[in-house]
Amino acid sequence: MTTIHKPRRKPCPHCGSLDTSRIVWGLYVPNPGTPLPDHVVLGGCCVEPGWPERQCNDCGRRYDYRDPIAVEDDEP
C-alpha cells in the first residue's frame, strides 16, 4: 500500500505561526461564483523574480523560504 503525505506548512520565520497562505502573482481572472481558496493570497499583477512566496495570516508579513531574510516589511 502506498501512503501519500501532504507537505507540512513551515512556520512563519517572524512570529512562528503555522497559519500561512501561498501568494499567487500575476493577473488573476476569477471564474464567476468561484471564491479564492482560504490558503491563497493575491500578490498583484506585476511579477518580479525573487518576490515572496508566502504570507503569514497572523502577523501579515510576506516572506520566501529560499531567502527568509528578504522580507516585504511595511515597518521602517
PDB file of N, CA and C in Angstrom:
ATOM      1  N   MET A   1       0.844  -1.176   0.000  1.00  0.00           N
ATOM      2  CA  MET A   1       0.000   0.000   0.000  1.00  0.00           C
ATOM      3  C   MET A   1       0.888   1.238   0.000  1.00  0.00           C
ATOM      4  N   THR A   2       0.528   2.218  -0.826  1.00  0.00           N
ATOM      5  CA  THR A   2       1.287   3.459  -0.928  1.00  0.00           C
ATOM      6  C   THR A   2       0.634   4.531  -0.070  1.00  0.00           C
ATOM      7  N   THR A   3       1.457   5.212   0.713  1.00  0.00           N
ATOM      8  CA  THR A   3       0.960   6.289   1.549  1.00  0.00           C
ATOM      9  C   THR A   3       1.420   7.610   0.965  1.00  0.00           C
ATOM     10  N   ILE A   4       0.494   8.539   0.798  1.00  0.00           N
ATOM     11  CA  ILE A   4       0.834   9.854   0.283  1.00  0.00           C
ATOM     12  C   ILE A   4       0.777  10.845   1.436  1.00  0.00           C
ATOM     13  N   HIS A   5       1.869  11.570   1.625  1.00  0.00           N
ATOM     14  CA  HIS A   5       1.942  12.551   2.692  1.00  0.00           C
ATOM     15  C   HIS A   5       1.820  13.949   2.108  1.00  0.00           C
ATOM     16  N   LYS A   6       0.954  14.758   2.700  1.00  0.00           N
ATOM     17  CA  LYS A   6       0.857  16.148   2.290  1.00  0.00           C
ATOM     18  C   LYS A   6       2.023  16.914   2.919  1.00  0.00           C
ATOM     19  N   PRO A   7       2.606  17.878   2.184  1.00  0.00           N
ATOM     20  CA  PRO A   7       3.703  18.641   2.773  1.00  0.00           C
ATOM     21  C   PRO A   7       3.198  19.476   3.942  1.00  0.00           C
ATOM     22  N   ARG A   8       3.988  19.512   4.997  1.00  0.00           N
ATOM     23  CA  ARG A   8       3.626  20.299   6.165  1.00  0.00           C
ATOM     24  C   ARG A   8       3.957  21.755   5.922  1.00  0.00           C
ATOM     25  N   ARG A   9       3.128  22.637   6.448  1.00  0.00           N
ATOM     26  CA  ARG A   9       3.419  24.061   6.352  1.00  0.00           C
ATOM     27  C   ARG A   9       4.549  24.403   7.297  1.00  0.00           C
ATOM     28  N   LYS A  10       5.477  25.178   6.816  1.00  0.00           N
ATOM     29  CA  LYS A  10       6.569  25.633   7.654  1.00  0.00           C
ATOM     30  C   LYS A  10       6.110  26.872   8.418  1.00  0.00           C
ATOM     31  N   PRO A  11       6.604  27.076   9.627  1.00  0.00           N
ATOM     32  CA  PRO A  11       6.174  28.235  10.401  1.00  0.00           C
ATOM     33  C   PRO A  11       6.721  29.544   9.836  1.00  0.00           C
ATOM     34  N   CYS A  12       6.011  30.630  10.120  1.00  0.00           N
ATOM     35  CA  CYS A  12       6.455  31.967   9.733  1.00  0.00           C
ATOM     36  C   CYS A  12       7.790  32.242  10.412  1.00  0.00           C
ATOM     37  N   PRO A  13       8.798  32.740   9.678  1.00  0.00           N
ATOM     38  CA  PRO A  13      10.102  32.989  10.303  1.00  0.00           C
ATOM     39  C   PRO A  13      10.080  34.168  11.271  1.00  0.00           C
ATOM     40  N   HIS A  14       8.995  34.927  11.324  1.00  0.00           N
ATOM     41  CA  HIS A  14       8.926  36.093  12.195  1.00  0.00           C
ATOM     42  C   HIS A  14       8.157  35.835  13.478  1.00  0.00           C
ATOM     43  N   CYS A  15       6.974  35.208  13.368  1.00  0.00           N
ATOM     44  CA  CYS A  15       6.151  35.004  14.566  1.00  0.00           C
ATOM     45  C   CYS A  15       5.952  33.532  14.913  1.00  0.00           C
ATOM     46  N   GLY A  16       6.337  32.614  13.996  1.00  0.00           N
ATOM     47  CA  GLY A  16       6.227  31.182  14.262  1.00  0.00           C
ATOM     48  C   GLY A  16       4.865  30.584  13.971  1.00  0.00           C
ATOM     49  N   SER A  17       3.917  31.373  13.483  1.00  0.00           N
ATOM     50  CA  SER A  17       2.573  30.883  13.198  1.00  0.00           C
ATOM     51  C   SER A  17       2.590  29.891  12.031  1.00  0.00           C
ATOM     52  N   LEU A  18       1.728  28.891  12.117  1.00  0.00           N
ATOM     53  CA  LEU A  18       1.554  27.937  11.015  1.00  0.00           C
ATOM     54  C   LEU A  18       0.408  28.355  10.103  1.00  0.00           C
ATOM     55  N   ASP A  19      -0.285  29.437  10.441  1.00  0.00           N
ATOM     56  CA  ASP A  19      -1.401  29.944   9.643  1.00  0.00           C
ATOM     57  C   ASP A  19      -0.845  30.837   8.540  1.00  0.00           C
ATOM     58  N   THR A  20      -0.417  30.208   7.444  1.00  0.00           N
ATOM     59  CA  THR A  20       0.189  30.938   6.335  1.00  0.00           C
ATOM     60  C   THR A  20      -0.559  30.651   5.040  1.00  0.00           C
ATOM     61  N   SER A  21      -0.364  31.525   4.059  1.00  0.00           N
ATOM     62  CA  SER A  21      -1.009  31.373   2.758  1.00  0.00           C
ATOM     63  C   SER A  21       0.019  31.502   1.656  1.00  0.00           C
ATOM     64  N   ARG A  22      -0.253  30.843   0.530  1.00  0.00           N
ATOM     65  CA  ARG A  22       0.606  30.964  -0.649  1.00  0.00           C
ATOM     66  C   ARG A  22       0.214  32.236  -1.383  1.00  0.00           C
ATOM     67  N   ILE A  23       1.207  32.984  -1.862  1.00  0.00           N
ATOM     68  CA  ILE A  23       0.953  34.195  -2.635  1.00  0.00           C
ATOM     69  C   ILE A  23       0.957  33.826  -4.114  1.00  0.00           C
ATOM     70  N   VAL A  24      -0.102  34.221  -4.818  1.00  0.00           N
ATOM     71  CA  VAL A  24      -0.199  33.984  -6.254  1.00  0.00           C
ATOM     72  C   VAL A  24       0.057  35.310  -6.951  1.00  0.00           C
ATOM     73  N   TRP A  25       1.095  35.354  -7.779  1.00  0.00           N
ATOM     74  CA  TRP A  25       1.466  36.560  -8.518  1.00  0.00           C
ATOM     75  C   TRP A  25       0.972  36.446  -9.947  1.00  0.00           C
ATOM     76  N   GLY A  26       0.651  37.562 -10.553  1.00  0.00           N
ATOM     77  CA  GLY A  26       0.202  37.597 -11.936  1.00  0.00           C
ATOM     78  C   GLY A  26      -1.249  38.037 -12.022  1.00  0.00           C
ATOM     79  N   LEU A  27      -1.720  38.242 -13.220  1.00  0.00           N
ATOM     80  CA  LEU A  27      -3.092  38.675 -13.440  1.00  0.00           C
ATOM     81  C   LEU A  27      -4.045  37.537 -13.108  1.00  0.00           C
ATOM     82  N   TYR A  28      -4.935  37.783 -12.187  1.00  0.00           N
ATOM     83  CA  TYR A  28      -5.894  36.776 -11.754  1.00  0.00           C
ATOM     84  C   TYR A  28      -7.261  37.115 -12.328  1.00  0.00           C
ATOM     85  N   VAL A  29      -7.828  36.212 -13.064  1.00  0.00           N
ATOM     86  CA  VAL A  29      -9.167  36.389 -13.624  1.00  0.00           C
ATOM     87  C   VAL A  29     -10.048  35.317 -12.995  1.00  0.00           C
ATOM     88  N   PRO A  30     -10.892  35.717 -12.037  1.00  0.00           N
ATOM     89  CA  PRO A  30     -11.704  34.716 -11.338  1.00  0.00           C
ATOM     90  C   PRO A  30     -12.854  34.204 -12.187  1.00  0.00           C
ATOM     91  N   ASN A  31     -13.255  32.978 -11.919  1.00  0.00           N
ATOM     92  CA  ASN A  31     -14.472  32.428 -12.509  1.00  0.00           C
ATOM     93  C   ASN A  31     -15.646  32.954 -11.687  1.00  0.00           C
ATOM     94  N   PRO A  32     -16.693  33.442 -12.318  1.00  0.00           N
ATOM     95  CA  PRO A  32     -17.837  33.951 -11.563  1.00  0.00           C
ATOM     96  C   PRO A  32     -18.393  32.902 -10.604  1.00  0.00           C
ATOM     97  N   GLY A  33     -18.583  33.290  -9.356  1.00  0.00           N
ATOM     98  CA  GLY A  33     -19.146  32.386  -8.355  1.00  0.00           C
ATOM     99  C   GLY A  33     -18.155  31.435  -7.719  1.00  0.00           C
ATOM    100  N   THR A  34     -16.881  31.500  -8.107  1.00  0.00           N
ATOM    101  CA  THR A  34     -15.871  30.622  -7.527  1.00  0.00           C
ATOM    102  C   THR A  34     -14.975  31.442  -6.609  1.00  0.00           C
ATOM    103  N   PRO A  35     -15.077  31.239  -5.302  1.00  0.00           N
ATOM    104  CA  PRO A  35     -14.242  32.018  -4.381  1.00  0.00           C
ATOM    105  C   PRO A  35     -12.794  31.550  -4.408  1.00  0.00           C
ATOM    106  N   LEU A  36     -11.902  32.436  -4.018  1.00  0.00           N
ATOM    107  CA  LEU A  36     -10.486  32.108  -3.895  1.00  0.00           C
ATOM    108  C   LEU A  36     -10.309  31.212  -2.669  1.00  0.00           C
ATOM    109  N   PRO A  37      -9.515  30.143  -2.756  1.00  0.00           N
ATOM    110  CA  PRO A  37      -9.304  29.284  -1.584  1.00  0.00           C
ATOM    111  C   PRO A  37      -8.732  30.082  -0.406  1.00  0.00           C
ATOM    112  N   ASP A  38      -9.032  29.633   0.817  1.00  0.00           N
ATOM    113  CA  ASP A  38      -8.593  30.336   2.024  1.00  0.00           C
ATOM    114  C   ASP A  38      -7.080  30.416   2.160  1.00  0.00           C
ATOM    115  N   HIS A  39      -6.366  29.460   1.620  1.00  0.00           N
ATOM    116  CA  HIS A  39      -4.922  29.408   1.800  1.00  0.00           C
ATOM    117  C   HIS A  39      -4.158  30.101   0.662  1.00  0.00           C
ATOM    118  N   VAL A  40      -4.853  30.931  -0.126  1.00  0.00           N
ATOM    119  CA  VAL A  40      -4.224  31.639  -1.244  1.00  0.00           C
ATOM    120  C   VAL A  40      -4.471  33.139  -1.097  1.00  0.00           C
ATOM    121  N   VAL A  41      -3.421  33.939  -1.343  1.00  0.00           N
ATOM    122  CA  VAL A  41      -3.496  35.396  -1.283  1.00  0.00           C
ATOM    123  C   VAL A  41      -3.031  35.932  -2.630  1.00  0.00           C
ATOM    124  N   LEU A  42      -3.715  36.934  -3.165  1.00  0.00           N
ATOM    125  CA  LEU A  42      -3.293  37.538  -4.424  1.00  0.00           C
ATOM    126  C   LEU A  42      -2.187  38.554  -4.142  1.00  0.00           C
ATOM    127  N   GLY A  43      -1.076  38.436  -4.874  1.00  0.00           N
ATOM    128  CA  GLY A  43       0.065  39.319  -4.659  1.00  0.00           C
ATOM    129  C   GLY A  43       0.028  40.551  -5.541  1.00  0.00           C
ATOM    130  N   GLY A  44      -0.527  40.465  -6.704  1.00  0.00           N
ATOM    131  CA  GLY A  44      -0.577  41.579  -7.643  1.00  0.00           C
ATOM    132  C   GLY A  44      -0.313  41.091  -9.048  1.00  0.00           C
ATOM    133  N   CYS A  45      -0.543  41.972 -10.015  1.00  0.00           N
ATOM    134  CA  CYS A  45      -0.419  41.541 -11.404  1.00  0.00           C
ATOM    135  C   CYS A  45       1.014  41.651 -11.932  1.00  0.00           C
ATOM    136  N   CYS A  46       1.831  42.482 -11.318  1.00  0.00           N
ATOM    137  CA  CYS A  46       3.233  42.607 -11.749  1.00  0.00           C
ATOM    138  C   CYS A  46       4.050  41.511 -11.087  1.00  0.00           C
ATOM    139  N   VAL A  47       4.917  40.879 -11.853  1.00  0.00           N
ATOM    140  CA  VAL A  47       5.710  39.767 -11.339  1.00  0.00           C
ATOM    141  C   VAL A  47       7.191  40.077 -11.514  1.00  0.00           C
ATOM    142  N   GLU A  48       7.940  39.942 -10.440  1.00  0.00           N
ATOM    143  CA  GLU A  48       9.386  40.133 -10.467  1.00  0.00           C
ATOM    144  C   GLU A  48      10.049  38.912  -9.838  1.00  0.00           C
ATOM    145  N   PRO A  49      11.206  38.531 -10.318  1.00  0.00           N
ATOM    146  CA  PRO A  49      11.911  37.403  -9.705  1.00  0.00           C
ATOM    147  C   PRO A  49      12.276  37.713  -8.255  1.00  0.00           C
ATOM    148  N   GLY A  50      12.160  36.730  -7.408  1.00  0.00           N
ATOM    149  CA  GLY A  50      12.564  36.876  -6.019  1.00  0.00           C
ATOM    150  C   GLY A  50      11.508  37.454  -5.100  1.00  0.00           C
ATOM    151  N   TRP A  51      10.315  37.712  -5.604  1.00  0.00           N
ATOM    152  CA  TRP A  51       9.263  38.216  -4.720  1.00  0.00           C
ATOM    153  C   TRP A  51       8.812  37.107  -3.788  1.00  0.00           C
ATOM    154  N   PRO A  52       8.266  37.452  -2.604  1.00  0.00           N
ATOM    155  CA  PRO A  52       7.923  36.433  -1.607  1.00  0.00           C
ATOM    156  C   PRO A  52       6.873  35.451  -2.094  1.00  0.00           C
ATOM    157  N   GLU A  53       6.935  34.256  -1.533  1.00  0.00           N
ATOM    158  CA  GLU A  53       6.014  33.196  -1.941  1.00  0.00           C
ATOM    159  C   GLU A  53       4.975  32.861  -0.870  1.00  0.00           C
ATOM    160  N   ARG A  54       5.163  33.335   0.362  1.00  0.00           N
ATOM    161  CA  ARG A  54       4.237  33.034   1.458  1.00  0.00           C
ATOM    162  C   ARG A  54       3.854  34.317   2.193  1.00  0.00           C
ATOM    163  N   GLN A  55       2.684  34.286   2.826  1.00  0.00           N
ATOM    164  CA  GLN A  55       2.242  35.385   3.681  1.00  0.00           C
ATOM    165  C   GLN A  55       1.694  34.805   4.962  1.00  0.00           C
ATOM    166  N   CYS A  56       2.094  35.377   6.092  1.00  0.00           N
ATOM    167  CA  CYS A  56       1.584  34.942   7.390  1.00  0.00           C
ATOM    168  C   CYS A  56       0.232  35.599   7.611  1.00  0.00           C
ATOM    169  N   ASN A  57      -0.765  34.813   7.972  1.00  0.00           N
ATOM    170  CA  ASN A  57      -2.098  35.348   8.214  1.00  0.00           C
ATOM    171  C   ASN A  57      -2.232  35.966   9.600  1.00  0.00           C
ATOM    172  N   ASP A  58      -1.249  35.730  10.483  1.00  0.00           N
ATOM    173  CA  ASP A  58      -1.294  36.314  11.820  1.00  0.00           C
ATOM    174  C   ASP A  58      -0.567  37.654  11.887  1.00  0.00           C
ATOM    175  N   CYS A  59       0.702  37.695  11.444  1.00  0.00           N
ATOM    176  CA  CYS A  59       1.457  38.951  11.538  1.00  0.00           C
ATOM    177  C   CYS A  59       1.415  39.764  10.239  1.00  0.00           C
ATOM    178  N   GLY A  60       0.969  39.133   9.126  1.00  0.00           N
ATOM    179  CA  GLY A  60       0.809  39.860   7.865  1.00  0.00           C
ATOM    180  C   GLY A  60       2.072  40.015   7.035  1.00  0.00           C
ATOM    181  N   ARG A  61       3.185  39.514   7.515  1.00  0.00           N
ATOM    182  CA  ARG A  61       4.435  39.655   6.768  1.00  0.00           C
ATOM    183  C   ARG A  61       4.517  38.658   5.636  1.00  0.00           C
ATOM    184  N   ARG A  62       5.176  39.089   4.569  1.00  0.00           N
ATOM    185  CA  ARG A  62       5.414  38.228   3.412  1.00  0.00           C
ATOM    186  C   ARG A  62       6.873  37.804   3.422  1.00  0.00           C
ATOM    187  N   TYR A  63       7.121  36.559   3.043  1.00  0.00           N
ATOM    188  CA  TYR A  63       8.479  36.032   3.093  1.00  0.00           C
ATOM    189  C   TYR A  63       8.650  34.933   2.069  1.00  0.00           C
ATOM    190  N   ASP A  64       9.894  34.513   1.908  1.00  0.00           N
ATOM    191  CA  ASP A  64      10.247  33.470   0.954  1.00  0.00           C
ATOM    192  C   ASP A  64      11.199  32.518   1.657  1.00  0.00           C
ATOM    193  N   TYR A  65      10.894  31.234   1.656  1.00  0.00           N
ATOM    194  CA  TYR A  65      11.761  30.274   2.328  1.00  0.00           C
ATOM    195  C   TYR A  65      13.111  30.130   1.656  1.00  0.00           C
ATOM    196  N   ARG A  66      13.205  30.479   0.374  1.00  0.00           N
ATOM    197  CA  ARG A  66      14.505  30.397  -0.287  1.00  0.00           C
ATOM    198  C   ARG A  66      15.446  31.479   0.228  1.00  0.00           C
ATOM    199  N   ASP A  67      14.874  32.624   0.690  1.00  0.00           N
ATOM    200  CA  ASP A  67      15.667  33.728   1.233  1.00  0.00           C
ATOM    201  C   ASP A  67      14.845  34.395   2.336  1.00  0.00           C
ATOM    202  N   PRO A  68      14.787  33.778   3.534  1.00  0.00           N
ATOM    203  CA  PRO A  68      13.903  34.280   4.581  1.00  0.00           C
ATOM    204  C   PRO A  68      14.289  35.658   5.111  1.00  0.00           C
ATOM    205  N   ILE A  69      15.490  36.133   4.825  1.00  0.00           N
ATOM    206  CA  ILE A  69      15.898  37.453   5.292  1.00  0.00           C
ATOM    207  C   ILE A  69      15.253  38.540   4.436  1.00  0.00           C
ATOM    208  N   ALA A  70      15.086  38.279   3.151  1.00  0.00           N
ATOM    209  CA  ALA A  70      14.482  39.266   2.246  1.00  0.00           C
ATOM    210  C   ALA A  70      12.974  39.219   2.445  1.00  0.00           C
ATOM    211  N   VAL A  71      12.469  40.096   3.276  1.00  0.00           N
ATOM    212  CA  VAL A  71      11.073  40.099   3.648  1.00  0.00           C
ATOM    213  C   VAL A  71      10.441  41.420   3.264  1.00  0.00           C
ATOM    214  N   GLU A  72       9.241  41.343   2.704  1.00  0.00           N
ATOM    215  CA  GLU A  72       8.488  42.561   2.436  1.00  0.00           C
ATOM    216  C   GLU A  72       7.943  43.034   3.771  1.00  0.00           C
ATOM    217  N   ASP A  73       8.362  44.209   4.192  1.00  0.00           N
ATOM    218  CA  ASP A  73       8.019  44.702   5.502  1.00  0.00           C
ATOM    219  C   ASP A  73       7.508  46.125   5.398  1.00  0.00           C
ATOM    220  N   ASP A  74       6.364  46.416   5.996  1.00  0.00           N
ATOM    221  CA  ASP A  74       5.810  47.754   5.971  1.00  0.00           C
ATOM    222  C   ASP A  74       6.416  48.648   7.048  1.00  0.00           C
ATOM    223  N   GLU A  75       7.124  48.050   7.985  1.00  0.00           N
ATOM    224  CA  GLU A  75       7.707  48.835   9.067  1.00  0.00           C
ATOM    225  C   GLU A  75       9.009  49.467   8.590  1.00  0.00           C
ATOM    226  N   PRO A  76       9.302  50.713   9.067  1.00  0.00           N
ATOM    227  CA  PRO A  76      10.562  51.379   8.669  1.00  0.00           C
ATOM    228  C   PRO A  76      11.780  50.720   9.250  1.00  0.00           C
TER     229      PRO A  76
END
